[in-house]
N, C-alpha and C. Protein backbone atom coordinates (compact mmCIF):
# COMPACT_ATOMS: atom_id res chain seq x y z
N MET A 1 29.58 17.47 -16.54
CA MET A 1 27.67 17.58 -16.18
C MET A 1 27.35 16.50 -15.66
N LYS A 2 28.20 15.44 -15.17
CA LYS A 2 27.95 14.41 -14.12
C LYS A 2 27.78 14.94 -13.02
N THR A 3 28.94 15.64 -12.69
CA THR A 3 29.39 16.27 -11.30
C THR A 3 28.35 17.00 -11.15
N LYS A 4 27.50 17.85 -11.83
CA LYS A 4 26.25 18.57 -11.48
C LYS A 4 25.11 17.80 -11.09
N LYS A 5 24.82 16.46 -11.89
CA LYS A 5 23.90 15.71 -11.25
C LYS A 5 23.93 14.94 -10.01
N ILE A 6 24.98 14.54 -9.71
CA ILE A 6 25.52 14.00 -8.58
C ILE A 6 25.29 15.00 -6.98
N THR A 7 25.71 15.89 -7.14
CA THR A 7 25.60 17.27 -6.42
C THR A 7 24.32 17.24 -6.54
N LEU A 8 23.56 17.64 -7.27
CA LEU A 8 22.13 18.01 -7.22
C LEU A 8 21.06 16.84 -6.59
N SER A 9 21.84 15.40 -7.05
CA SER A 9 21.10 14.04 -6.19
C SER A 9 21.53 14.78 -4.65
N ALA A 10 22.51 14.94 -4.11
CA ALA A 10 22.75 14.96 -2.82
C ALA A 10 22.05 16.22 -2.22
N LEU A 11 22.15 17.27 -2.71
CA LEU A 11 21.06 18.19 -2.49
C LEU A 11 19.74 17.65 -2.03
N PHE A 12 19.14 17.07 -3.03
CA PHE A 12 18.08 16.49 -2.67
C PHE A 12 17.37 15.55 -1.82
N ILE A 13 18.45 14.35 -1.51
CA ILE A 13 18.88 13.69 -0.72
C ILE A 13 19.05 14.29 0.82
N ALA A 14 19.75 15.38 0.79
CA ALA A 14 19.95 15.99 2.26
C ALA A 14 18.60 16.88 2.60
N VAL A 15 17.87 17.17 1.42
CA VAL A 15 16.83 18.16 2.06
C VAL A 15 15.49 16.90 2.11
N GLY A 16 15.75 16.12 1.56
CA GLY A 16 14.45 14.59 2.05
C GLY A 16 14.77 14.17 3.21
N VAL A 17 16.04 13.91 3.53
CA VAL A 17 16.31 13.48 4.96
C VAL A 17 15.98 14.27 6.16
N ILE A 18 16.40 15.80 5.92
CA ILE A 18 16.09 16.67 6.93
C ILE A 18 14.72 16.74 7.17
N ALA A 19 13.75 16.90 5.88
CA ALA A 19 12.53 17.28 5.72
C ALA A 19 11.66 15.97 6.57
N GLY A 20 12.25 14.62 6.44
CA GLY A 20 11.71 13.68 7.45
C GLY A 20 11.63 13.86 8.34
N ASN A 21 12.33 14.46 9.06
CA ASN A 21 12.54 14.56 10.89
C ASN A 21 11.26 15.65 11.08
N ILE A 22 10.94 16.30 10.17
CA ILE A 22 9.92 17.26 10.29
C ILE A 22 8.53 17.42 9.83
N ILE A 23 8.48 17.01 8.89
CA ILE A 23 6.85 16.87 8.06
C ILE A 23 6.98 15.34 7.56
N TYR A 24 6.04 14.66 8.29
CA TYR A 24 5.45 13.52 7.93
C TYR A 24 4.22 13.19 8.63
N ILE A 25 3.31 12.09 7.98
CA ILE A 25 1.93 11.81 8.14
C ILE A 25 1.81 10.63 9.07
N PRO A 26 1.83 9.75 10.20
CA PRO A 26 1.63 8.62 10.66
C PRO A 26 0.40 8.14 10.32
N ILE A 27 0.34 6.80 9.47
CA ILE A 27 -0.98 6.33 9.28
C ILE A 27 -0.46 4.63 9.41
N GLY A 28 -0.72 4.09 10.24
CA GLY A 28 -0.93 2.71 10.56
C GLY A 28 0.58 2.61 10.79
N ALA A 29 1.28 1.41 9.87
CA ALA A 29 2.83 1.22 10.55
C ALA A 29 3.32 2.12 9.50
N SER A 30 2.98 2.89 8.63
CA SER A 30 3.56 3.59 7.51
C SER A 30 3.82 5.13 8.11
N LYS A 31 4.95 5.63 7.42
CA LYS A 31 4.82 7.18 7.70
C LYS A 31 4.88 7.96 6.40
N CYS A 32 3.52 8.62 6.10
CA CYS A 32 3.66 9.26 4.78
C CYS A 32 4.30 10.72 4.86
N PHE A 33 5.04 10.62 3.47
CA PHE A 33 6.11 11.95 3.46
C PHE A 33 5.89 12.32 2.28
N PRO A 34 5.18 13.86 2.42
CA PRO A 34 4.88 14.08 1.23
C PRO A 34 5.95 15.31 0.67
N VAL A 35 6.98 15.30 1.05
CA VAL A 35 8.17 15.89 0.50
C VAL A 35 8.95 15.08 -0.08
N GLN A 36 8.98 13.58 0.24
CA GLN A 36 9.50 12.55 -0.86
C GLN A 36 8.85 12.41 -2.21
N HIS A 37 7.60 12.76 -1.93
CA HIS A 37 6.96 12.72 -3.62
C HIS A 37 7.22 14.15 -4.24
N THR A 38 7.30 15.09 -3.51
CA THR A 38 7.93 16.59 -3.99
C THR A 38 9.27 16.19 -4.79
N ILE A 39 9.96 15.67 -4.02
CA ILE A 39 11.61 15.12 -4.65
C ILE A 39 11.50 14.40 -5.46
N ASN A 40 11.00 13.37 -4.99
CA ASN A 40 10.88 12.31 -6.48
C ASN A 40 10.47 13.35 -7.93
N VAL A 41 9.22 13.93 -8.14
CA VAL A 41 8.93 14.09 -9.20
C VAL A 41 10.29 15.40 -9.43
N LEU A 42 10.58 16.19 -8.70
CA LEU A 42 11.55 17.03 -9.41
C LEU A 42 12.44 16.66 -9.78
N THR A 43 13.21 15.52 -8.99
CA THR A 43 14.17 14.59 -9.44
C THR A 43 13.88 14.35 -10.94
N ALA A 44 13.04 13.32 -11.30
CA ALA A 44 12.67 12.83 -12.48
C ALA A 44 12.48 13.68 -13.31
N VAL A 45 12.03 15.09 -13.45
CA VAL A 45 12.03 16.06 -14.31
C VAL A 45 13.63 16.33 -14.37
N ALA A 46 14.04 16.77 -13.36
CA ALA A 46 15.45 17.34 -13.64
C ALA A 46 16.52 16.45 -13.90
N LEU A 47 16.49 15.41 -13.69
CA LEU A 47 17.56 14.26 -13.67
C LEU A 47 17.28 13.16 -14.54
N GLY A 48 16.13 12.26 -14.39
CA GLY A 48 15.86 11.45 -15.53
C GLY A 48 15.32 10.24 -13.87
N PRO A 49 15.11 9.21 -15.10
CA PRO A 49 14.84 7.88 -14.00
C PRO A 49 15.64 7.21 -13.25
N GLY A 50 16.83 7.17 -13.61
CA GLY A 50 17.82 6.34 -13.26
C GLY A 50 18.09 7.16 -11.54
N TYR A 51 18.36 8.34 -11.88
CA TYR A 51 18.57 9.40 -10.41
C TYR A 51 17.72 9.83 -9.57
N GLY A 52 16.07 9.32 -10.27
CA GLY A 52 15.11 9.48 -9.69
C GLY A 52 15.31 8.63 -8.70
N ALA A 53 15.22 7.34 -9.07
CA ALA A 53 15.18 6.01 -8.02
C ALA A 53 16.42 6.09 -7.07
N ALA A 54 17.54 6.54 -7.88
CA ALA A 54 18.48 6.46 -6.75
C ALA A 54 18.36 7.37 -5.50
N VAL A 55 18.06 8.61 -5.78
CA VAL A 55 17.90 9.79 -4.91
C VAL A 55 16.66 9.16 -3.98
N ALA A 56 15.41 8.56 -4.23
CA ALA A 56 14.52 8.13 -3.51
C ALA A 56 15.14 6.94 -2.90
N PHE A 57 16.05 5.88 -3.31
CA PHE A 57 16.75 5.06 -2.31
C PHE A 57 17.69 5.52 -1.52
N GLY A 58 18.41 6.70 -1.50
CA GLY A 58 19.09 7.57 -0.82
C GLY A 58 18.45 7.94 0.51
N ILE A 59 17.41 8.57 -0.09
CA ILE A 59 16.70 9.30 1.09
C ILE A 59 15.86 7.98 2.50
N SER A 60 15.19 7.14 1.35
CA SER A 60 14.53 5.93 2.35
C SER A 60 15.69 5.00 3.13
N LEU A 61 16.94 4.59 2.71
CA LEU A 61 17.90 4.57 3.63
C LEU A 61 18.41 5.14 4.69
N LEU A 62 18.73 6.25 4.50
CA LEU A 62 19.31 7.44 5.58
C LEU A 62 17.98 7.56 6.51
N ARG A 63 16.70 7.72 6.25
CA ARG A 63 15.85 7.39 6.88
C ARG A 63 15.81 6.19 7.82
N ASN A 64 15.62 5.12 7.50
CA ASN A 64 15.71 4.01 8.00
C ASN A 64 16.92 3.88 9.20
N LEU A 65 18.06 4.49 8.45
CA LEU A 65 19.30 4.36 9.58
C LEU A 65 18.99 5.31 10.62
N LEU A 66 18.46 6.47 10.57
CA LEU A 66 18.47 7.08 11.66
C LEU A 66 16.86 7.26 12.24
N GLY A 67 16.13 6.25 11.95
CA GLY A 67 15.19 5.68 12.86
C GLY A 67 13.75 6.79 12.16
N THR A 68 13.99 7.50 11.40
CA THR A 68 13.02 8.80 11.09
C THR A 68 11.90 7.88 9.89
N GLY A 69 12.35 6.70 9.24
CA GLY A 69 11.39 6.04 8.22
C GLY A 69 10.85 4.37 8.44
N THR A 70 10.47 3.84 7.60
CA THR A 70 10.24 2.37 7.70
C THR A 70 10.47 1.89 6.37
N LEU A 71 10.55 0.59 6.64
CA LEU A 71 11.09 -0.13 5.66
C LEU A 71 9.86 0.26 3.98
N LEU A 72 8.74 0.32 4.66
CA LEU A 72 8.03 0.76 3.54
C LEU A 72 8.14 2.00 2.47
N ALA A 73 9.52 2.90 2.91
CA ALA A 73 9.59 3.82 2.31
C ALA A 73 10.25 3.11 0.87
N PHE A 74 10.63 1.95 0.90
CA PHE A 74 11.87 1.78 -0.34
C PHE A 74 10.85 1.56 -1.62
N PRO A 75 9.95 0.43 -1.48
CA PRO A 75 8.96 0.24 -2.38
C PRO A 75 8.14 1.28 -3.13
N GLY A 76 7.70 2.04 -2.53
CA GLY A 76 6.86 3.20 -2.94
C GLY A 76 7.62 4.00 -3.53
N SER A 77 8.66 4.72 -2.88
CA SER A 77 9.64 6.32 -3.34
C SER A 77 9.91 5.29 -4.56
N MET A 78 10.62 4.81 -4.65
CA MET A 78 11.50 4.16 -5.79
C MET A 78 10.71 3.79 -7.02
N VAL A 79 9.89 2.89 -6.67
CA VAL A 79 8.95 3.04 -7.97
C VAL A 79 7.96 4.14 -8.53
N GLY A 80 7.84 5.12 -7.82
CA GLY A 80 7.31 6.15 -8.02
C GLY A 80 8.21 7.24 -8.80
N ALA A 81 9.47 7.53 -8.41
CA ALA A 81 10.32 8.38 -8.98
C ALA A 81 10.76 7.39 -10.25
N PHE A 82 10.75 6.37 -10.22
CA PHE A 82 11.42 5.71 -11.80
C PHE A 82 10.25 5.98 -12.90
N LEU A 83 8.83 5.45 -12.39
CA LEU A 83 7.82 5.77 -13.22
C LEU A 83 7.83 6.90 -13.89
N ALA A 84 7.93 8.17 -13.02
CA ALA A 84 7.77 9.54 -12.86
C ALA A 84 8.63 10.02 -14.28
N GLY A 85 10.09 9.72 -13.75
CA GLY A 85 11.38 9.89 -14.84
C GLY A 85 11.11 8.88 -16.12
N ILE A 86 10.57 7.87 -16.11
CA ILE A 86 9.94 7.55 -17.50
C ILE A 86 9.00 8.01 -18.27
N LEU A 87 8.34 8.38 -17.62
CA LEU A 87 7.03 9.20 -18.39
C LEU A 87 7.42 10.42 -18.46
N TYR A 88 8.20 11.15 -17.65
CA TYR A 88 8.66 12.48 -18.15
C TYR A 88 9.52 12.19 -19.53
N LYS A 89 10.63 11.60 -19.26
CA LYS A 89 11.43 11.53 -20.46
C LYS A 89 10.82 11.16 -21.82
N LYS A 90 9.42 10.39 -21.63
CA LYS A 90 9.14 10.21 -23.12
C LYS A 90 7.70 11.30 -23.53
N THR A 91 7.74 12.07 -22.51
CA THR A 91 6.64 13.33 -22.85
C THR A 91 7.22 14.54 -22.84
N ASN A 92 8.04 14.73 -21.89
CA ASN A 92 8.99 16.17 -21.57
C ASN A 92 7.65 16.98 -20.71
N LYS A 93 6.58 16.41 -20.18
CA LYS A 93 5.46 17.30 -19.63
C LYS A 93 5.57 16.82 -18.24
N PRO A 94 5.64 17.78 -17.38
CA PRO A 94 5.56 17.72 -15.77
C PRO A 94 4.30 16.73 -15.43
N ALA A 95 3.06 17.22 -16.13
CA ALA A 95 1.90 16.85 -15.54
C ALA A 95 1.96 14.82 -15.75
N PHE A 96 3.06 14.40 -16.90
CA PHE A 96 2.83 12.92 -16.80
C PHE A 96 4.08 12.51 -15.47
N ALA A 97 5.22 13.25 -15.25
CA ALA A 97 5.81 13.04 -13.87
C ALA A 97 4.61 12.99 -13.11
N VAL A 98 4.27 13.48 -12.50
CA VAL A 98 3.03 13.67 -11.75
C VAL A 98 2.22 12.53 -11.63
N ALA A 99 1.68 12.26 -12.84
CA ALA A 99 0.78 11.15 -13.15
C ALA A 99 1.88 9.59 -12.59
N GLY A 100 2.86 9.57 -13.43
CA GLY A 100 3.96 8.60 -12.70
C GLY A 100 4.49 8.35 -11.58
N GLU A 101 4.40 9.37 -10.56
CA GLU A 101 4.72 9.37 -9.07
C GLU A 101 3.57 8.99 -8.40
N ILE A 102 2.38 9.29 -8.85
CA ILE A 102 1.01 9.23 -8.40
C ILE A 102 0.74 7.57 -8.52
N LEU A 103 0.39 7.04 -9.85
CA LEU A 103 0.45 5.88 -10.31
C LEU A 103 1.54 4.91 -9.40
N GLY A 104 2.82 5.36 -9.58
CA GLY A 104 4.00 4.19 -9.12
C GLY A 104 4.10 3.93 -7.50
N THR A 105 3.96 5.48 -6.98
CA THR A 105 3.65 5.24 -5.32
C THR A 105 2.53 4.83 -4.93
N GLY A 106 1.51 5.64 -5.31
CA GLY A 106 0.23 5.51 -4.76
C GLY A 106 -0.23 4.00 -5.05
N ILE A 107 -0.20 3.62 -5.92
CA ILE A 107 -0.75 1.98 -6.57
C ILE A 107 -0.04 1.05 -6.25
N LEU A 108 1.21 1.09 -7.19
CA LEU A 108 1.88 -0.03 -7.52
C LEU A 108 3.15 0.20 -5.89
N GLY A 109 3.34 1.10 -5.60
CA GLY A 109 4.26 1.36 -3.82
C GLY A 109 2.89 0.64 -3.21
N GLY A 110 2.13 1.10 -3.22
CA GLY A 110 1.05 0.78 -2.16
C GLY A 110 0.81 -1.04 -2.01
N LEU A 111 0.71 -1.54 -3.16
CA LEU A 111 0.94 -2.62 -3.09
C LEU A 111 2.12 -3.50 -3.02
N LEU A 112 3.16 -3.09 -3.54
CA LEU A 112 4.62 -3.69 -3.14
C LEU A 112 4.87 -3.81 -1.29
N ALA A 113 4.14 -2.91 -1.03
CA ALA A 113 4.16 -2.56 0.48
C ALA A 113 3.74 -3.65 1.29
N TYR A 114 2.97 -4.40 0.95
CA TYR A 114 2.15 -5.35 1.49
C TYR A 114 2.88 -6.65 1.77
N PRO A 115 3.62 -7.02 0.82
CA PRO A 115 4.80 -8.19 1.85
C PRO A 115 5.72 -7.90 2.30
N ILE A 116 6.25 -6.33 2.19
CA ILE A 116 7.19 -6.06 3.10
C ILE A 116 6.38 -6.09 4.72
N ALA A 117 5.33 -5.88 4.60
CA ALA A 117 4.29 -5.44 5.67
C ALA A 117 4.16 -6.66 6.44
N LYS A 118 3.56 -7.34 5.82
CA LYS A 118 3.41 -8.97 6.08
C LYS A 118 4.57 -9.67 6.76
N LEU A 119 5.29 -9.80 5.85
CA LEU A 119 6.64 -10.83 5.72
C LEU A 119 7.63 -10.20 6.97
N ILE A 120 8.02 -8.99 6.71
CA ILE A 120 9.24 -8.45 7.13
C ILE A 120 8.76 -7.91 8.68
N LEU A 121 7.75 -6.67 8.48
CA LEU A 121 7.31 -6.28 9.81
C LEU A 121 6.16 -7.03 10.46
N GLY A 122 5.51 -8.15 9.83
CA GLY A 122 4.84 -8.89 10.69
C GLY A 122 3.39 -8.48 11.09
N ASN A 123 3.36 -7.27 10.22
CA ASN A 123 1.70 -6.82 10.29
C ASN A 123 0.72 -7.35 9.46
N ASP A 124 -0.48 -7.84 10.13
CA ASP A 124 -1.36 -8.76 9.22
C ASP A 124 -2.64 -7.84 8.79
N VAL A 125 -2.06 -7.28 7.11
CA VAL A 125 -2.89 -6.05 7.16
C VAL A 125 -3.64 -6.44 5.33
N THR A 126 -4.31 -6.17 4.81
CA THR A 126 -4.69 -6.46 3.40
C THR A 126 -3.94 -6.09 2.46
N ALA A 127 -4.06 -6.77 0.94
CA ALA A 127 -3.24 -6.04 0.13
C ALA A 127 -3.38 -4.73 -0.40
N PHE A 128 -4.83 -4.18 -0.01
CA PHE A 128 -4.81 -2.70 -0.26
C PHE A 128 -4.29 -1.82 0.68
N PHE A 129 -4.22 -2.29 1.88
CA PHE A 129 -4.24 -1.37 3.07
C PHE A 129 -3.40 -0.10 2.33
N TYR A 130 -2.39 -0.27 2.20
CA TYR A 130 -0.99 0.83 1.94
C TYR A 130 -1.52 1.71 0.65
N VAL A 131 -2.70 1.28 -0.22
CA VAL A 131 -2.86 2.14 -1.32
C VAL A 131 -3.53 3.56 -0.86
N SER A 132 -4.30 3.32 -0.14
CA SER A 132 -4.99 4.44 0.06
C SER A 132 -4.16 5.71 0.96
N PRO A 133 -3.45 5.53 1.62
CA PRO A 133 -2.60 6.36 2.59
C PRO A 133 -1.18 6.56 1.56
N PHE A 134 -0.85 5.79 0.57
CA PHE A 134 0.05 5.95 -0.39
C PHE A 134 -0.08 6.90 -1.30
N LEU A 135 -1.49 6.90 -1.72
CA LEU A 135 -2.34 8.06 -2.25
C LEU A 135 -2.32 9.32 -1.88
N ILE A 136 -2.92 9.20 -0.85
CA ILE A 136 -3.10 10.79 -0.18
C ILE A 136 -1.65 11.69 -0.23
N SER A 137 -0.67 10.77 0.10
CA SER A 137 0.54 11.38 0.56
C SER A 137 0.89 11.66 -0.90
N THR A 138 1.14 10.73 -1.64
CA THR A 138 1.44 11.00 -2.80
C THR A 138 0.92 12.50 -3.84
N THR A 139 -0.55 12.40 -3.93
CA THR A 139 -1.07 13.66 -4.63
C THR A 139 -0.68 14.71 -3.91
N GLY A 140 -0.63 14.96 -2.48
CA GLY A 140 -0.06 16.32 -2.17
C GLY A 140 1.34 16.63 -2.82
N GLY A 141 2.21 15.66 -2.65
CA GLY A 141 3.55 16.11 -2.70
C GLY A 141 3.90 16.45 -4.18
N SER A 142 3.16 15.53 -5.02
CA SER A 142 3.33 15.53 -6.31
C SER A 142 2.91 17.05 -6.95
N MET A 143 1.39 16.89 -6.29
CA MET A 143 1.20 18.73 -6.65
C MET A 143 1.84 19.63 -6.02
N ILE A 144 2.56 19.57 -5.24
CA ILE A 144 3.68 20.75 -4.71
C ILE A 144 4.45 20.93 -5.55
N SER A 145 5.03 19.78 -6.30
CA SER A 145 6.30 19.22 -7.05
C SER A 145 5.62 20.09 -8.12
N TYR A 146 4.50 19.78 -8.63
CA TYR A 146 3.96 20.35 -10.10
C TYR A 146 3.83 21.99 -9.89
N ALA A 147 3.63 22.54 -8.76
CA ALA A 147 3.61 24.05 -8.73
C ALA A 147 4.76 24.49 -8.90
N ILE A 148 5.80 24.34 -7.99
CA ILE A 148 7.12 24.33 -8.27
C ILE A 148 7.43 24.17 -9.46
N ILE A 149 7.61 23.63 -10.32
CA ILE A 149 7.86 23.15 -11.80
C ILE A 149 7.31 24.48 -12.31
N LYS A 150 6.07 24.54 -12.52
CA LYS A 150 5.13 25.43 -13.00
C LYS A 150 5.72 27.14 -12.50
N ILE A 151 5.86 27.28 -11.35
CA ILE A 151 6.95 28.48 -11.33
C ILE A 151 8.19 28.93 -11.51
N LEU A 152 9.13 27.56 -11.41
CA LEU A 152 10.30 28.01 -12.00
C LEU A 152 10.39 28.10 -13.67
N ASP A 153 9.22 27.45 -14.10
CA ASP A 153 9.21 27.76 -15.77
C ASP A 153 8.61 29.01 -15.93
N PHE A 154 7.80 29.75 -15.79
CA PHE A 154 7.08 30.69 -15.86
C PHE A 154 8.24 32.07 -15.52
N THR A 155 8.59 31.65 -14.31
CA THR A 155 9.41 32.88 -14.11
C THR A 155 11.23 32.86 -14.73
N LYS A 156 11.14 32.07 -15.11
CA LYS A 156 12.53 31.74 -15.77
C LYS A 156 13.75 31.84 -14.75
N VAL A 157 13.70 31.53 -13.70
CA VAL A 157 14.65 31.61 -12.40
C VAL A 157 15.39 30.60 -12.87
N MET A 158 15.17 29.32 -13.19
CA MET A 158 16.12 28.16 -13.55
C MET A 158 15.70 27.37 -14.69
N ASP A 159 16.32 27.12 -15.81
CA ASP A 159 15.97 26.07 -16.54
C ASP A 159 16.74 24.79 -16.27
N ILE A 160 16.04 24.19 -15.89
CA ILE A 160 16.64 22.85 -14.80
C ILE A 160 17.25 21.80 -16.25
N LYS A 161 16.83 21.73 -16.90
CA LYS A 161 17.38 21.44 -18.25
C LYS A 161 18.59 21.74 -19.08
N LYS A 162 18.56 22.80 -19.08
CA LYS A 162 19.65 23.66 -19.55
C LYS A 162 21.27 23.51 -18.68
N GLN A 163 20.91 23.65 -17.29
CA GLN A 163 21.62 23.78 -16.37
C GLN A 163 22.58 22.38 -16.40
N LEU A 164 22.20 21.19 -16.40
CA LEU A 164 22.45 20.18 -16.59
C LEU A 164 23.20 19.40 -17.73
């Protein structure tokens, strides 16, 4: 069972890194990445909070090493994925995973991006500067993931929980 989870995590990381080269929205010093949020919610539902945060970290790290991401990818994606996983684990409802991703990335991640932008990147921005773009990006990506989960559930193509 652990091998399946690690394999699925690697697949999510690969898709996230490849899509990061293709689909992103530049806003200020950040690159909004709706596919990251889609993957965060899917990972939270399929694998749980720990794997969700690990996948988000893996994607952020590889994107930064490849020059397609920024340091701001770390706080938003990891907090969002973890919170999505926690809320899904407690409720077993995908809508709560979506809410966790939006709250975790959009609000908390946006606020956590401030010290990174100010102290490490040297950007002189306000504390709430990244909340709005992070909210826009995470809302879109989270809604895409919700639709994917509902389609997979409705069509019975794949029961993620029974597979793992």
